[in-house]
PDB file of N, CA and C in Angstrom:
ATOM      1  N   LEU A   1     112.080  93.410 110.850  1.00  0.00           N
ATOM      2  CA  LEU A   1     110.637  93.520 111.009  1.00  0.00           C
ATOM      3  C   LEU A   1     110.207  94.987 111.089  1.00  0.00           C
ATOM      4  N   ARG A   2     110.978  95.812 111.776  1.00  0.00           N
ATOM      5  CA  ARG A   2     110.615  97.222 111.924  1.00  0.00           C
ATOM      6  C   ARG A   2     110.686  97.980 110.614  1.00  0.00           C
ATOM      7  N   ARG A   3     111.402  97.469 109.652  1.00  0.00           N
ATOM      8  CA  ARG A   3     111.525  98.158 108.365  1.00  0.00           C
ATOM      9  C   ARG A   3     110.459  97.724 107.374  1.00  0.00           C
ATOM     10  N   THR A   4     109.672  96.752 107.749  1.00  0.00           N
ATOM     11  CA  THR A   4     108.630  96.242 106.868  1.00  0.00           C
ATOM     12  C   THR A   4     107.507  97.259 106.736  1.00  0.00           C
ATOM     13  N   LEU A   5     106.984  97.403 105.525  1.00  0.00           N
ATOM     14  CA  LEU A   5     105.865  98.295 105.281  1.00  0.00           C
ATOM     15  C   LEU A   5     104.672  97.845 106.123  1.00  0.00           C
ATOM     16  N   GLY A   6     103.998  98.779 106.749  1.00  0.00           N
ATOM     17  CA  GLY A   6     102.828  98.449 107.546  1.00  0.00           C
ATOM     18  C   GLY A   6     103.141  98.111 108.991  1.00  0.00           C
ATOM     19  N   THR A   7     104.307  98.528 109.487  1.00  0.00           N
ATOM     20  CA  THR A   7     104.646  98.292 110.891  1.00  0.00           C
ATOM     21  C   THR A   7     104.897  99.629 111.587  1.00  0.00           C
ATOM     22  N   PHE A   8     104.765  99.632 112.891  1.00  0.00           N
ATOM     23  CA  PHE A   8     105.011 100.834 113.681  1.00  0.00           C
ATOM     24  C   PHE A   8     105.415 100.434 115.093  1.00  0.00           C
ATOM     25  N   ASP A   9     106.166 101.312 115.748  1.00  0.00           N
ATOM     26  CA  ASP A   9     106.565 101.094 117.141  1.00  0.00           C
ATOM     27  C   ASP A   9     105.452 101.603 118.051  1.00  0.00           C
ATOM     28  N   ALA A  10     105.210 100.884 119.123  1.00  0.00           N
ATOM     29  CA  ALA A  10     104.178 101.272 120.082  1.00  0.00           C
ATOM     30  C   ALA A  10     104.477 100.644 121.434  1.00  0.00           C
ATOM     31  N   SER A  11     103.672 100.972 122.395  1.00  0.00           N
ATOM     32  CA  SER A  11     103.668 100.315 123.702  1.00  0.00           C
ATOM     33  C   SER A  11     102.214 100.070 124.056  1.00  0.00           C
ATOM     34  N   ILE A  12     101.947  98.967 124.736  1.00  0.00           N
ATOM     35  CA  ILE A  12     100.591  98.639 125.155  1.00  0.00           C
ATOM     36  C   ILE A  12     100.592  98.445 126.664  1.00  0.00           C
ATOM     37  N   LEU A  13      99.508  98.884 127.278  1.00  0.00           N
ATOM     38  CA  LEU A  13      99.334  98.624 128.697  1.00  0.00           C
ATOM     39  C   LEU A  13      98.768  97.217 128.813  1.00  0.00           C
ATOM     40  N   ALA A  14      99.616  96.292 129.227  1.00  0.00           N
ATOM     41  CA  ALA A  14      99.252  94.874 129.306  1.00  0.00           C
ATOM     42  C   ALA A  14      98.257  94.651 130.450  1.00  0.00           C
ATOM     43  N   PRO A  15      97.527  93.544 130.408  1.00  0.00           N
ATOM     44  CA  PRO A  15      96.599  93.229 131.502  1.00  0.00           C
ATOM     45  C   PRO A  15      97.268  93.212 132.880  1.00  0.00           C
ATOM     46  N   SER A  16      98.569  92.979 132.919  1.00  0.00           N
ATOM     47  CA  SER A  16      99.296  92.971 134.197  1.00  0.00           C
ATOM     48  C   SER A  16      99.464  94.383 134.765  1.00  0.00           C
ATOM     49  N   GLY A  17      99.134  95.405 133.959  1.00  0.00           N
ATOM     50  CA  GLY A  17      99.287  96.785 134.411  1.00  0.00           C
ATOM     51  C   GLY A  17     100.626  97.398 134.067  1.00  0.00           C
ATOM     52  N   LYS A  18     101.454  96.672 133.325  1.00  0.00           N
ATOM     53  CA  LYS A  18     102.772  97.176 132.937  1.00  0.00           C
ATOM     54  C   LYS A  18     102.768  97.540 131.456  1.00  0.00           C
ATOM     55  N   TRP A  19     103.524  98.576 131.114  1.00  0.00           N
ATOM     56  CA  TRP A  19     103.679  98.955 129.716  1.00  0.00           C
ATOM     57  C   TRP A  19     104.680  98.029 129.049  1.00  0.00           C
ATOM     58  N   MET A  20     104.338  97.554 127.850  1.00  0.00           N
ATOM     59  CA  MET A  20     105.193  96.637 127.105  1.00  0.00           C
ATOM     60  C   MET A  20     105.457  97.234 125.718  1.00  0.00           C
ATOM     61  N   MET A  21     106.746  97.313 125.336  1.00  0.00           N
ATOM     62  CA  MET A  21     107.092  97.792 124.002  1.00  0.00           C
ATOM     63  C   MET A  21     106.744  96.714 122.984  1.00  0.00           C
ATOM     64  N   VAL A  22     106.089  97.150 121.895  1.00  0.00           N
ATOM     65  CA  VAL A  22     105.661  96.218 120.854  1.00  0.00           C
ATOM     66  C   VAL A  22     105.925  96.819 119.472  1.00  0.00           C
ATOM     67  N   ILE A  23     105.867  95.952 118.489  1.00  0.00           N
ATOM     68  CA  ILE A  23     105.883  96.374 117.094  1.00  0.00           C
ATOM     69  C   ILE A  23     104.505  96.039 116.551  1.00  0.00           C
ATOM     70  N   GLY A  24     103.802  97.051 116.058  1.00  0.00           N
ATOM     71  CA  GLY A  24     102.485  96.840 115.477  1.00  0.00           C
ATOM     72  C   GLY A  24     102.627  96.480 114.008  1.00  0.00           C
ATOM     73  N   ARG A  25     101.789  95.546 113.570  1.00  0.00           N
ATOM     74  CA  ARG A  25     101.811  95.121 112.160  1.00  0.00           C
ATOM     75  C   ARG A  25     100.365  95.071 111.683  1.00  0.00           C
ATOM     76  N   TYR A  26     100.049  95.901 110.697  1.00  0.00           N
ATOM     77  CA  TYR A  26      98.685  95.967 110.176  1.00  0.00           C
ATOM     78  C   TYR A  26      98.325  94.723 109.380  1.00  0.00           C
ATOM     79  N   GLY A  27      97.115  94.244 109.603  1.00  0.00           N
ATOM     80  CA  GLY A  27      96.499  93.223 108.781  1.00  0.00           C
ATOM     81  C   GLY A  27      95.214  93.824 108.234  1.00  0.00           C
ATOM     82  N   GLY A  28      94.489  93.116 107.426  1.00  0.00           N
ATOM     83  CA  GLY A  28      93.257  93.649 106.864  1.00  0.00           C
ATOM     84  C   GLY A  28      92.208  93.942 107.916  1.00  0.00           C
ATOM     85  N   ALA A  29      92.047  93.043 108.871  1.00  0.00           N
ATOM     86  CA  ALA A  29      90.985  93.182 109.864  1.00  0.00           C
ATOM     87  C   ALA A  29      91.517  93.242 111.293  1.00  0.00           C
ATOM     88  N   HIS A  30      92.833  93.374 111.442  1.00  0.00           N
ATOM     89  CA  HIS A  30      93.409  93.374 112.782  1.00  0.00           C
ATOM     90  C   HIS A  30      94.804  93.988 112.766  1.00  0.00           C
ATOM     91  N   VAL A  31      95.287  94.286 113.959  1.00  0.00           N
ATOM     92  CA  VAL A  31      96.672  94.725 114.151  1.00  0.00           C
ATOM     93  C   VAL A  31      97.325  93.706 115.061  1.00  0.00           C
ATOM     94  N   ASP A  32      98.429  93.138 114.612  1.00  0.00           N
ATOM     95  CA  ASP A  32      99.220  92.233 115.448  1.00  0.00           C
ATOM     96  C   ASP A  32     100.208  93.079 116.242  1.00  0.00           C
ATOM     97  N   LEU A  33     100.363  92.759 117.503  1.00  0.00           N
ATOM     98  CA  LEU A  33     101.350  93.428 118.350  1.00  0.00           C
ATOM     99  C   LEU A  33     102.357  92.392 118.819  1.00  0.00           C
ATOM    100  N   LEU A  34     103.587  92.516 118.323  1.00  0.00           N
ATOM    101  CA  LEU A  34     104.653  91.584 118.665  1.00  0.00           C
ATOM    102  C   LEU A  34     105.583  92.226 119.694  1.00  0.00           C
ATOM    103  N   ARG A  35     106.006  91.438 120.663  1.00  0.00           N
ATOM    104  CA  ARG A  35     106.934  91.961 121.673  1.00  0.00           C
ATOM    105  C   ARG A  35     108.190  92.502 120.986  1.00  0.00           C
ATOM    106  N   PHE A  36     108.622  93.662 121.442  1.00  0.00           N
ATOM    107  CA  PHE A  36     109.794  94.316 120.865  1.00  0.00           C
ATOM    108  C   PHE A  36     111.061  93.520 121.138  1.00  0.00           C
ATOM    109  N   PHE A  37     111.216  93.031 122.356  1.00  0.00           N
ATOM    110  CA  PHE A  37     112.419  92.303 122.744  1.00  0.00           C
ATOM    111  C   PHE A  37     112.142  90.801 122.760  1.00  0.00           C
ATOM    112  N   SER A  38     111.833  90.256 121.604  1.00  0.00           N
ATOM    113  CA  SER A  38     111.531  88.833 121.488  1.00  0.00           C
ATOM    114  C   SER A  38     111.891  88.375 120.084  1.00  0.00           C
ATOM    115  N   VAL A  39     112.198  87.109 119.958  1.00  0.00           N
ATOM    116  CA  VAL A  39     112.472  86.550 118.638  1.00  0.00           C
ATOM    117  C   VAL A  39     111.265  85.772 118.102  1.00  0.00           C
ATOM    118  N   SER A  40     110.199  85.713 118.872  1.00  0.00           N
ATOM    119  CA  SER A  40     109.015  84.969 118.464  1.00  0.00           C
ATOM    120  C   SER A  40     108.239  85.726 117.383  1.00  0.00           C
ATOM    121  N   PRO A  41     107.879  85.039 116.304  1.00  0.00           N
ATOM    122  CA  PRO A  41     107.071  85.677 115.259  1.00  0.00           C
ATOM    123  C   PRO A  41     105.578  85.668 115.593  1.00  0.00           C
ATOM    124  N   VAL A  42     105.219  85.120 116.736  1.00  0.00           N
ATOM    125  CA  VAL A  42     103.818  85.025 117.142  1.00  0.00           C
ATOM    126  C   VAL A  42     103.437  86.296 117.904  1.00  0.00           C
ATOM    127  N   PRO A  43     102.355  86.982 117.497  1.00  0.00           N
ATOM    128  CA  PRO A  43     101.969  88.205 118.195  1.00  0.00           C
ATOM    129  C   PRO A  43     101.544  87.936 119.634  1.00  0.00           C
ATOM    130  N   SER A  44     101.900  88.846 120.522  1.00  0.00           N
ATOM    131  CA  SER A  44     101.477  88.760 121.920  1.00  0.00           C
ATOM    132  C   SER A  44     100.033  89.197 122.079  1.00  0.00           C
ATOM    133  N   PHE A  45      99.621  90.151 121.237  1.00  0.00           N
ATOM    134  CA  PHE A  45      98.258  90.669 121.260  1.00  0.00           C
ATOM    135  C   PHE A  45      97.774  90.834 119.826  1.00  0.00           C
ATOM    136  N   VAL A  46      96.500  90.609 119.614  1.00  0.00           N
ATOM    137  CA  VAL A  46      95.860  90.862 118.321  1.00  0.00           C
ATOM    138  C   VAL A  46      94.652  91.742 118.613  1.00  0.00           C
ATOM    139  N   ILE A  47      94.611  92.904 117.978  1.00  0.00           N
ATOM    140  CA  ILE A  47      93.490  93.822 118.167  1.00  0.00           C
ATOM    141  C   ILE A  47      92.654  93.795 116.895  1.00  0.00           C
ATOM    142  N   GLU A  48      91.446  93.292 117.013  1.00  0.00           N
ATOM    143  CA  GLU A  48      90.524  93.214 115.877  1.00  0.00           C
ATOM    144  C   GLU A  48      89.975  94.605 115.562  1.00  0.00           C
ATOM    145  N   ARG A  49      89.857  94.917 114.280  1.00  0.00           N
ATOM    146  CA  ARG A  49      89.350  96.216 113.844  1.00  0.00           C
ATOM    147  C   ARG A  49      87.856  96.362 114.136  1.00  0.00           C
ATOM    148  N   ARG A  50      87.098  95.291 113.919  1.00  0.00           N
ATOM    149  CA  ARG A  50      85.649  95.356 114.096  1.00  0.00           C
ATOM    150  C   ARG A  50      85.301  95.696 115.543  1.00  0.00           C
ATOM    151  N   GLY A  51      84.495  96.740 115.705  1.00  0.00           N
ATOM    152  CA  GLY A  51      84.046  97.147 117.031  1.00  0.00           C
ATOM    153  C   GLY A  51      85.051  97.958 117.824  1.00  0.00           C
ATOM    154  N   LEU A  52      86.189  98.296 117.232  1.00  0.00           N
ATOM    155  CA  LEU A  52      87.216  99.070 117.920  1.00  0.00           C
ATOM    156  C   LEU A  52      86.968 100.555 117.685  1.00  0.00           C
ATOM    157  N   ASP A  53      86.977 101.333 118.742  1.00  0.00           N
ATOM    158  CA  ASP A  53      86.760 102.774 118.635  1.00  0.00           C
ATOM    159  C   ASP A  53      87.846 103.523 119.392  1.00  0.00           C
ATOM    160  N   ILE A  54      88.261 104.651 118.823  1.00  0.00           N
ATOM    161  CA  ILE A  54      89.182 105.553 119.510  1.00  0.00           C
ATOM    162  C   ILE A  54      88.333 106.517 120.318  1.00  0.00           C
ATOM    163  N   THR A  55      88.566 106.562 121.621  1.00  0.00           N
ATOM    164  CA  THR A  55      87.793 107.470 122.470  1.00  0.00           C
ATOM    165  C   THR A  55      88.553 108.751 122.759  1.00  0.00           C
ATOM    166  N   GLY A  56      89.829 108.795 122.437  1.00  0.00           N
ATOM    167  CA  GLY A  56      90.605 110.010 122.628  1.00  0.00           C
ATOM    168  C   GLY A  56      92.084 109.732 122.722  1.00  0.00           C
ATOM    169  N   THR A  57      92.830 110.802 122.904  1.00  0.00           N
ATOM    170  CA  THR A  57      94.272 110.707 123.110  1.00  0.00           C
ATOM    171  C   THR A  57      94.619 111.583 124.308  1.00  0.00           C
ATOM    172  N   ARG A  58      95.763 111.312 124.891  1.00  0.00           N
ATOM    173  CA  ARG A  58      96.239 112.128 126.006  1.00  0.00           C
ATOM    174  C   ARG A  58      97.748 112.036 126.094  1.00  0.00           C
ATOM    175  N   GLN A  59      98.318 112.953 126.832  1.00  0.00           N
ATOM    176  CA  GLN A  59      99.749 112.926 127.111  1.00  0.00           C
ATOM    177  C   GLN A  59      99.997 111.945 128.258  1.00  0.00           C
ATOM    178  N   PRO A  60     101.150 111.319 128.300  1.00  0.00           N
ATOM    179  CA  PRO A  60     101.462 110.409 129.413  1.00  0.00           C
ATOM    180  C   PRO A  60     101.541 111.159 130.741  1.00  0.00           C
ATOM    181  N   THR A  61     101.152 110.485 131.802  1.00  0.00           N
ATOM    182  CA  THR A  61     101.308 111.053 133.146  1.00  0.00           C
ATOM    183  C   THR A  61     102.795 111.016 133.513  1.00  0.00           C
ATOM    184  N   ASP A  62     103.154 111.661 134.609  1.00  0.00           N
ATOM    185  CA  ASP A  62     104.552 111.650 135.061  1.00  0.00           C
ATOM    186  C   ASP A  62     105.038 110.231 135.280  1.00  0.00           C
ATOM    187  N   GLU A  63     104.202 109.386 135.845  1.00  0.00           N
ATOM    188  CA  GLU A  63     104.583 107.990 136.097  1.00  0.00           C
ATOM    189  C   GLU A  63     104.782 107.220 134.785  1.00  0.00           C
ATOM    190  N   GLU A  64     103.919 107.473 133.798  1.00  0.00           N
ATOM    191  CA  GLU A  64     104.009 106.770 132.517  1.00  0.00           C
ATOM    192  C   GLU A  64     105.186 107.235 131.674  1.00  0.00           C
ATOM    193  N   THR A  65     105.624 108.460 131.863  1.00  0.00           N
ATOM    194  CA  THR A  65     106.705 109.028 131.056  1.00  0.00           C
ATOM    195  C   THR A  65     107.971 108.176 131.120  1.00  0.00           C
ATOM    196  N   SER A  66     108.241 107.580 132.262  1.00  0.00           N
ATOM    197  CA  SER A  66     109.451 106.766 132.390  1.00  0.00           C
ATOM    198  C   SER A  66     109.264 105.358 131.830  1.00  0.00           C
ATOM    199  N   ARG A  67     108.053 104.997 131.456  1.00  0.00           N
ATOM    200  CA  ARG A  67     107.778 103.633 131.004  1.00  0.00           C
ATOM    201  C   ARG A  67     107.500 103.507 129.507  1.00  0.00           C
ATOM    202  N   ILE A  68     107.310 104.631 128.828  1.00  0.00           N
ATOM    203  CA  ILE A  68     107.080 104.590 127.390  1.00  0.00           C
ATOM    204  C   ILE A  68     108.078 105.518 126.708  1.00  0.00           C
ATOM    205  N   PRO A  69     108.361 105.292 125.432  1.00  0.00           N
ATOM    206  CA  PRO A  69     109.354 106.122 124.733  1.00  0.00           C
ATOM    207  C   PRO A  69     108.966 107.602 124.712  1.00  0.00           C
ATOM    208  N   PRO A  70     109.946 108.471 124.731  1.00  0.00           N
ATOM    209  CA  PRO A  70     109.674 109.905 124.704  1.00  0.00           C
ATOM    210  C   PRO A  70     108.975 110.315 123.408  1.00  0.00           C
ATOM    211  N   GLY A  71     108.072 111.271 123.528  1.00  0.00           N
ATOM    212  CA  GLY A  71     107.362 111.772 122.358  1.00  0.00           C
ATOM    213  C   GLY A  71     106.104 111.000 122.001  1.00  0.00           C
ATOM    214  N   PHE A  72     105.835 109.901 122.696  1.00  0.00           N
ATOM    215  CA  PHE A  72     104.640 109.108 122.411  1.00  0.00           C
ATOM    216  C   PHE A  72     103.418 109.751 123.064  1.00  0.00           C
ATOM    217  N   ILE A  73     102.258 109.593 122.415  1.00  0.00           N
ATOM    218  CA  ILE A  73     100.986 109.956 123.017  1.00  0.00           C
ATOM    219  C   ILE A  73     100.258 108.661 123.349  1.00  0.00           C
ATOM    220  N   ILE A  74      99.296 108.755 124.238  1.00  0.00           N
ATOM    221  CA  ILE A  74      98.525 107.573 124.617  1.00  0.00           C
ATOM    222  C   ILE A  74      97.177 107.636 123.915  1.00  0.00           C
ATOM    223  N   VAL A  75      96.879 106.572 123.180  1.00  0.00           N
ATOM    224  CA  VAL A  75      95.626 106.460 122.442  1.00  0.00           C
ATOM    225  C   VAL A  75      94.693 105.591 123.273  1.00  0.00           C
ATOM    226  N   MET A  76      93.531 106.139 123.582  1.00  0.00           N
ATOM    227  CA  MET A  76      92.546 105.418 124.374  1.00  0.00           C
ATOM    228  C   MET A  76      91.554 104.754 123.430  1.00  0.00           C
ATOM    229  N   LEU A  77      91.452 103.441 123.548  1.00  0.00           N
ATOM    230  CA  LEU A  77      90.585 102.652 122.676  1.00  0.00           C
ATOM    231  C   LEU A  77      89.569 101.896 123.515  1.00  0.00           C
ATOM    232  N   VAL A  78      88.449 101.577 122.906  1.00  0.00           N
ATOM    233  CA  VAL A  78      87.455 100.736 123.572  1.00  0.00           C
ATOM    234  C   VAL A  78      86.944  99.717 122.553  1.00  0.00           C
ATOM    235  N   ARG A  79      86.815  98.490 123.040  1.00  0.00           N
ATOM    236  CA  ARG A  79      86.286  97.406 122.200  1.00  0.00           C
ATOM    237  C   ARG A  79      85.465  96.503 123.111  1.00  0.00           C
ATOM    238  N   SER A  80      84.203  96.350 122.779  1.00  0.00           N
ATOM    239  CA  SER A  80      83.294  95.516 123.571  1.00  0.00           C
ATOM    240  C   SER A  80      83.289  95.924 125.044  1.00  0.00           C
ATOM    241  N   GLY A  81      83.370  97.214 125.294  1.00  0.00           N
ATOM    242  CA  GLY A  81      83.340  97.710 126.662  1.00  0.00           C
ATOM    243  C   GLY A  81      84.664  97.662 127.392  1.00  0.00           C
ATOM    244  N   ASP A  82      85.674  97.050 126.794  1.00  0.00           N
ATOM    245  CA  ASP A  82      86.999  96.959 127.417  1.00  0.00           C
ATOM    246  C   ASP A  82      87.877  98.101 126.921  1.00  0.00           C
ATOM    247  N   GLU A  83      88.558  98.768 127.856  1.00  0.00           N
ATOM    248  CA  GLU A  83      89.459  99.855 127.491  1.00  0.00           C
ATOM    249  C   GLU A  83      90.850  99.307 127.196  1.00  0.00           C
ATOM    250  N   LEU A  84      91.450  99.786 126.119  1.00  0.00           N
ATOM    251  CA  LEU A  84      92.820  99.445 125.746  1.00  0.00           C
ATOM    252  C   LEU A  84      93.600 100.747 125.650  1.00  0.00           C
ATOM    253  N   LEU A  85      94.835 100.728 126.103  1.00  0.00           N
ATOM    254  CA  LEU A  85      95.705 101.894 125.976  1.00  0.00           C
ATOM    255  C   LEU A  85      96.921 101.523 125.145  1.00  0.00           C
ATOM    256  N   LEU A  86      97.134 102.272 124.073  1.00  0.00           N
ATOM    257  CA  LEU A  86      98.302 102.115 123.211  1.00  0.00           C
ATOM    258  C   LEU A  86      99.046 103.435 123.193  1.00  0.00           C
ATOM    259  N   ALA A  87     100.334 103.388 123.316  1.00  0.00           N
ATOM    260  CA  ALA A  87     101.159 104.592 123.210  1.00  0.00           C
ATOM    261  C   ALA A  87     101.930 104.504 121.896  1.00  0.00           C
ATOM    262  N   MET A  88     101.939 105.602 121.161  1.00  0.00           N
ATOM    263  CA  MET A  88     102.647 105.630 119.875  1.00  0.00           C
ATOM    264  C   MET A  88     102.987 107.064 119.503  1.00  0.00           C
ATOM    265  N   ASP A  89     103.863 107.197 118.546  1.00  0.00           N
ATOM    266  CA  ASP A  89     104.229 108.493 118.006  1.00  0.00           C
ATOM    267  C   ASP A  89     102.995 109.083 117.308  1.00  0.00           C
ATOM    268  N   TYR A  90     102.882 110.411 117.310  1.00  0.00           N
ATOM    269  CA  TYR A  90     101.702 111.042 116.707  1.00  0.00           C
ATOM    270  C   TYR A  90     101.567 110.697 115.229  1.00  0.00           C
ATOM    271  N   ARG A  91     102.676 110.621 114.501  1.00  0.00           N
ATOM    272  CA  ARG A  91     102.611 110.258 113.074  1.00  0.00           C
ATOM    273  C   ARG A  91     102.046 108.856 112.902  1.00  0.00           C
ATOM    274  N   ASP A  92     102.446 107.932 113.773  1.00  0.00           N
ATOM    275  CA  ASP A  92     101.896 106.577 113.707  1.00  0.00           C
ATOM    276  C   ASP A  92     100.424 106.570 114.097  1.00  0.00           C
ATOM    277  N   TYR A  93     100.045 107.461 115.010  1.00  0.00           N
ATOM    278  CA  TYR A  93      98.639 107.574 115.402  1.00  0.00           C
ATOM    279  C   TYR A  93      97.773 107.994 114.214  1.00  0.00           C
ATOM    280  N   THR A  94      98.260 108.940 113.410  1.00  0.00           N
ATOM    281  CA  THR A  94      97.463 109.373 112.260  1.00  0.00           C
ATOM    282  C   THR A  94      97.253 108.219 111.285  1.00  0.00           C
ATOM    283  N   GLY A  95      98.284 107.393 111.093  1.00  0.00           N
ATOM    284  CA  GLY A  95      98.128 106.209 110.243  1.00  0.00           C
ATOM    285  C   GLY A  95      97.185 105.188 110.854  1.00  0.00           C
ATOM    286  N   PHE A  96      97.290 104.988 112.163  1.00  0.00           N
ATOM    287  CA  PHE A  96      96.427 104.041 112.859  1.00  0.00           C
ATOM    288  C   PHE A  96      94.964 104.474 112.771  1.00  0.00           C
ATOM    289  N   SER A  97      94.703 105.752 113.017  1.00  0.00           N
ATOM    290  CA  SER A  97      93.325 106.231 112.961  1.00  0.00           C
ATOM    291  C   SER A  97      92.769 106.167 111.542  1.00  0.00           C
ATOM    292  N   ALA A  98      93.597 106.435 110.540  1.00  0.00           N
ATOM    293  CA  ALA A  98      93.150 106.313 109.146  1.00  0.00           C
ATOM    294  C   ALA A  98      92.838 104.858 108.812  1.00  0.00           C
ATOM    295  N   TRP A  99      93.677 103.931 109.268  1.00  0.00           N
ATOM    296  CA  TRP A  99      93.430 102.501 109.045  1.00  0.00           C
ATOM    297  C   TRP A  99      92.108 102.083 109.688  1.00  0.00           C
ATOM    298  N   LEU A 100      91.865 102.551 110.898  1.00  0.00           N
ATOM    299  CA  LEU A 100      90.645 102.187 111.607  1.00  0.00           C
ATOM    300  C   LEU A 100      89.414 102.761 110.907  1.00  0.00           C
ATOM    301  N   GLU A 101      89.486 104.013 110.489  1.00  0.00           N
ATOM    302  CA  GLU A 101      88.357 104.652 109.824  1.00  0.00           C
ATOM    303  C   GLU A 101      88.096 104.073 108.435  1.00  0.00           C
ATOM    304  N   ALA A 102      89.111 103.516 107.805  1.00  0.00           N
ATOM    305  CA  ALA A 102      88.957 102.958 106.461  1.00  0.00           C
ATOM    306  C   ALA A 102      88.357 101.563 106.473  1.00  0.00           C
ATOM    307  N   GLY A 103      88.013 101.071 107.645  1.00  0.00           N
ATOM    308  CA  GLY A 103      87.457  99.723 107.763  1.00  0.00           C
ATOM    309  C   GLY A 103      86.083  99.630 107.129  1.00  0.00           C
ATOM    310  N   PRO A 104      85.581  98.414 107.034  1.00  0.00           N
ATOM    311  CA  PRO A 104      84.268  98.210 106.428  1.00  0.00           C
ATOM    312  C   PRO A 104      83.169  98.912 107.231  1.00  0.00           C
ATOM    313  N   ILE A 105      82.128  99.321 106.542  1.00  0.00           N
ATOM    314  CA  ILE A 105      81.004  99.987 107.187  1.00  0.00           C
ATOM    315  C   ILE A 105      80.269  98.963 108.038  1.00  0.00           C
ATOM    316  N   ALA A 106      79.926  99.343 109.258  1.00  0.00           N
ATOM    317  CA  ALA A 106      79.222  98.436 110.167  1.00  0.00           C
ATOM    318  C   ALA A 106      77.921  97.965 109.508  1.00  0.00           C
ATOM    319  N   GLY A 107      77.700  96.679 109.570  1.00  0.00           N
ATOM    320  CA  GLY A 107      76.486  96.106 109.015  1.00  0.00           C
ATOM    321  C   GLY A 107      76.563  95.801 107.526  1.00  0.00           C
ATOM    322  N   SER A 108      77.711  96.111 106.905  1.00  0.00           N
ATOM    323  CA  SER A 108      77.824  95.815 105.477  1.00  0.00           C
ATOM    324  C   SER A 108      78.109  94.331 105.286  1.00  0.00           C
ATOM    325  N   TRP A 109      77.807  93.853 104.118  1.00  0.00           N
ATOM    326  CA  TRP A 109      78.056  92.446 103.825  1.00  0.00           C
ATOM    327  C   TRP A 109      78.823  92.337 102.529  1.00  0.00           C
ATOM    328  N   GLN A 110      79.455  91.213 102.360  1.00  0.00           N
ATOM    329  CA  GLN A 110      80.296  91.001 101.180  1.00  0.00           C
ATOM    330  C   GLN A 110      79.689  89.923 100.300  1.00  0.00           C
ATOM    331  N   ILE A 111      79.896  90.069  99.018  1.00  0.00           N
ATOM    332  CA  ILE A 111      79.406  89.064  98.054  1.00  0.00           C
ATOM    333  C   ILE A 111      80.477  88.031  97.843  1.00  0.00           C
TER     334      ILE A 111
END
Protein backbone atom coordinates (compact mmCIF):
# COMPACT_ATOMS: atom_id res chain seq x y z
CA LEU A 1 0.00 0.00 0.00
CA ARG A 2 2.82 2.43 0.82
CA ARG A 3 4.30 1.97 -2.64
CA THR A 4 1.07 2.85 -4.39
CA LEU A 5 1.02 6.12 -6.31
CA GLY A 6 -0.88 8.79 -4.39
CA THR A 7 -0.03 7.61 -0.87
CA PHE A 8 2.04 9.20 1.89
CA ASP A 9 3.04 8.50 5.49
CA ALA A 10 1.53 10.74 8.15
CA SER A 11 0.29 10.89 11.71
CA ILE A 12 -3.02 12.36 12.86
CA LEU A 13 -4.00 13.66 16.25
CA ALA A 14 -7.00 11.43 16.93
CA PRO A 15 -10.05 12.67 18.86
CA SER A 16 -8.70 10.68 21.84
CA GLY A 17 -5.74 13.10 21.96
CA LYS A 18 -3.18 10.51 20.87
CA TRP A 19 -1.07 10.62 17.72
CA MET A 20 -1.79 7.74 15.34
CA MET A 21 0.45 6.69 12.44
CA VAL A 22 -1.51 6.50 9.19
CA ILE A 23 -1.06 6.06 5.47
CA GLY A 24 -2.74 8.82 3.49
CA ARG A 25 -4.34 7.93 0.16
CA TYR A 26 -5.54 10.69 -2.17
CA GLY A 27 -8.97 10.52 -3.73
CA GLY A 28 -10.57 13.10 -6.00
CA ALA A 29 -12.51 14.85 -3.25
CA HIS A 30 -10.99 13.39 -0.09
CA VAL A 31 -7.96 11.85 1.59
CA ASP A 32 -8.37 8.45 3.21
CA LEU A 33 -6.26 7.83 6.30
CA LEU A 34 -5.64 4.16 7.01
CA ARG A 35 -4.07 2.92 10.23
CA PHE A 36 -0.41 2.11 9.69
CA PHE A 37 -0.42 -0.99 11.88
CA SER A 38 -3.62 -2.61 10.62
CA VAL A 39 -4.66 -5.04 7.94
CA SER A 40 -8.05 -3.38 7.42
CA PRO A 41 -8.55 -1.75 4.01
CA VAL A 42 -11.19 0.54 5.55
CA PRO A 43 -9.92 4.06 6.33
CA SER A 44 -9.99 5.16 9.96
CA PHE A 45 -10.48 8.78 8.92
CA VAL A 46 -11.69 10.46 5.73
CA ILE A 47 -10.86 14.13 5.26
CA GLU A 48 -13.07 15.82 2.68
CA ARG A 49 -11.37 18.41 0.46
CA ARG A 50 -14.37 20.75 0.33
CA GLY A 51 -14.13 23.40 3.04
CA LEU A 52 -10.69 22.25 4.22
CA ASP A 53 -8.13 25.00 4.80
CA ILE A 54 -4.49 24.96 5.87
CA THR A 55 -4.02 27.52 8.62
CA GLY A 56 -0.29 26.96 9.02
CA THR A 57 2.52 24.61 9.88
CA ARG A 58 4.71 24.27 12.94
CA GLN A 59 7.47 22.16 14.40
CA PRO A 60 6.47 19.49 16.93
CA THR A 61 6.69 20.37 20.61
CA ASP A 62 9.09 18.43 22.85
CA GLU A 63 6.21 16.21 23.96
CA GLU A 64 5.08 15.54 20.37
CA THR A 65 8.60 14.73 19.16
CA SER A 66 8.49 11.32 20.83
CA ARG A 67 5.07 10.51 19.34
CA ILE A 68 5.56 11.30 15.65
CA PRO A 69 8.31 10.24 13.22
CA PRO A 70 11.46 12.37 13.14
CA GLY A 71 11.58 15.09 10.52
CA PHE A 72 7.80 15.53 10.34
CA ILE A 73 6.14 18.94 10.53
CA ILE A 74 2.67 19.51 11.91
CA VAL A 75 0.10 20.83 9.46
CA MET A 76 -2.74 22.75 11.07
CA LEU A 77 -6.03 22.36 9.23
CA VAL A 78 -9.53 23.66 9.83
CA ARG A 79 -12.78 22.34 8.41
CA SER A 80 -16.20 23.60 9.49
CA GLY A 81 -14.62 25.24 12.52
CA ASP A 82 -12.95 22.02 13.68
CA GLU A 83 -9.16 21.95 13.96
CA LEU A 84 -7.28 18.92 12.59
CA LEU A 85 -3.58 18.25 13.08
CA LEU A 86 -1.65 16.12 10.61
CA ALA A 87 2.07 15.46 10.86
CA MET A 88 3.98 14.64 7.68
CA ASP A 89 7.29 15.03 5.93
CA TYR A 90 7.76 18.46 4.31
CA ARG A 91 7.90 16.91 0.81
CA ASP A 92 4.55 15.21 1.45
CA TYR A 93 3.21 18.52 2.76
CA THR A 94 4.03 20.25 -0.53
CA GLY A 95 2.08 17.55 -2.39
CA PHE A 96 -0.80 17.76 0.07
CA SER A 97 -1.04 21.54 -0.21
CA ALA A 98 -0.90 21.35 -4.02
CA TRP A 99 -3.68 18.73 -4.01
CA LEU A 100 -5.80 20.94 -1.75
CA GLU A 101 -5.22 24.08 -3.83
CA ALA A 102 -6.00 22.22 -7.07
CA GLY A 103 -9.52 21.48 -5.86
CA PRO A 104 -12.62 22.86 -7.50
CA ILE A 105 -13.32 26.57 -7.14
CA ALA A 106 -15.80 27.27 -4.33
CA GLY A 107 -19.26 27.81 -5.72
CA SER A 108 -18.47 26.24 -9.09
CA TRP A 109 -20.87 23.79 -10.63
CA GLN A 110 -20.46 20.89 -12.98
CA ILE A 111 -22.36 20.06 -16.14
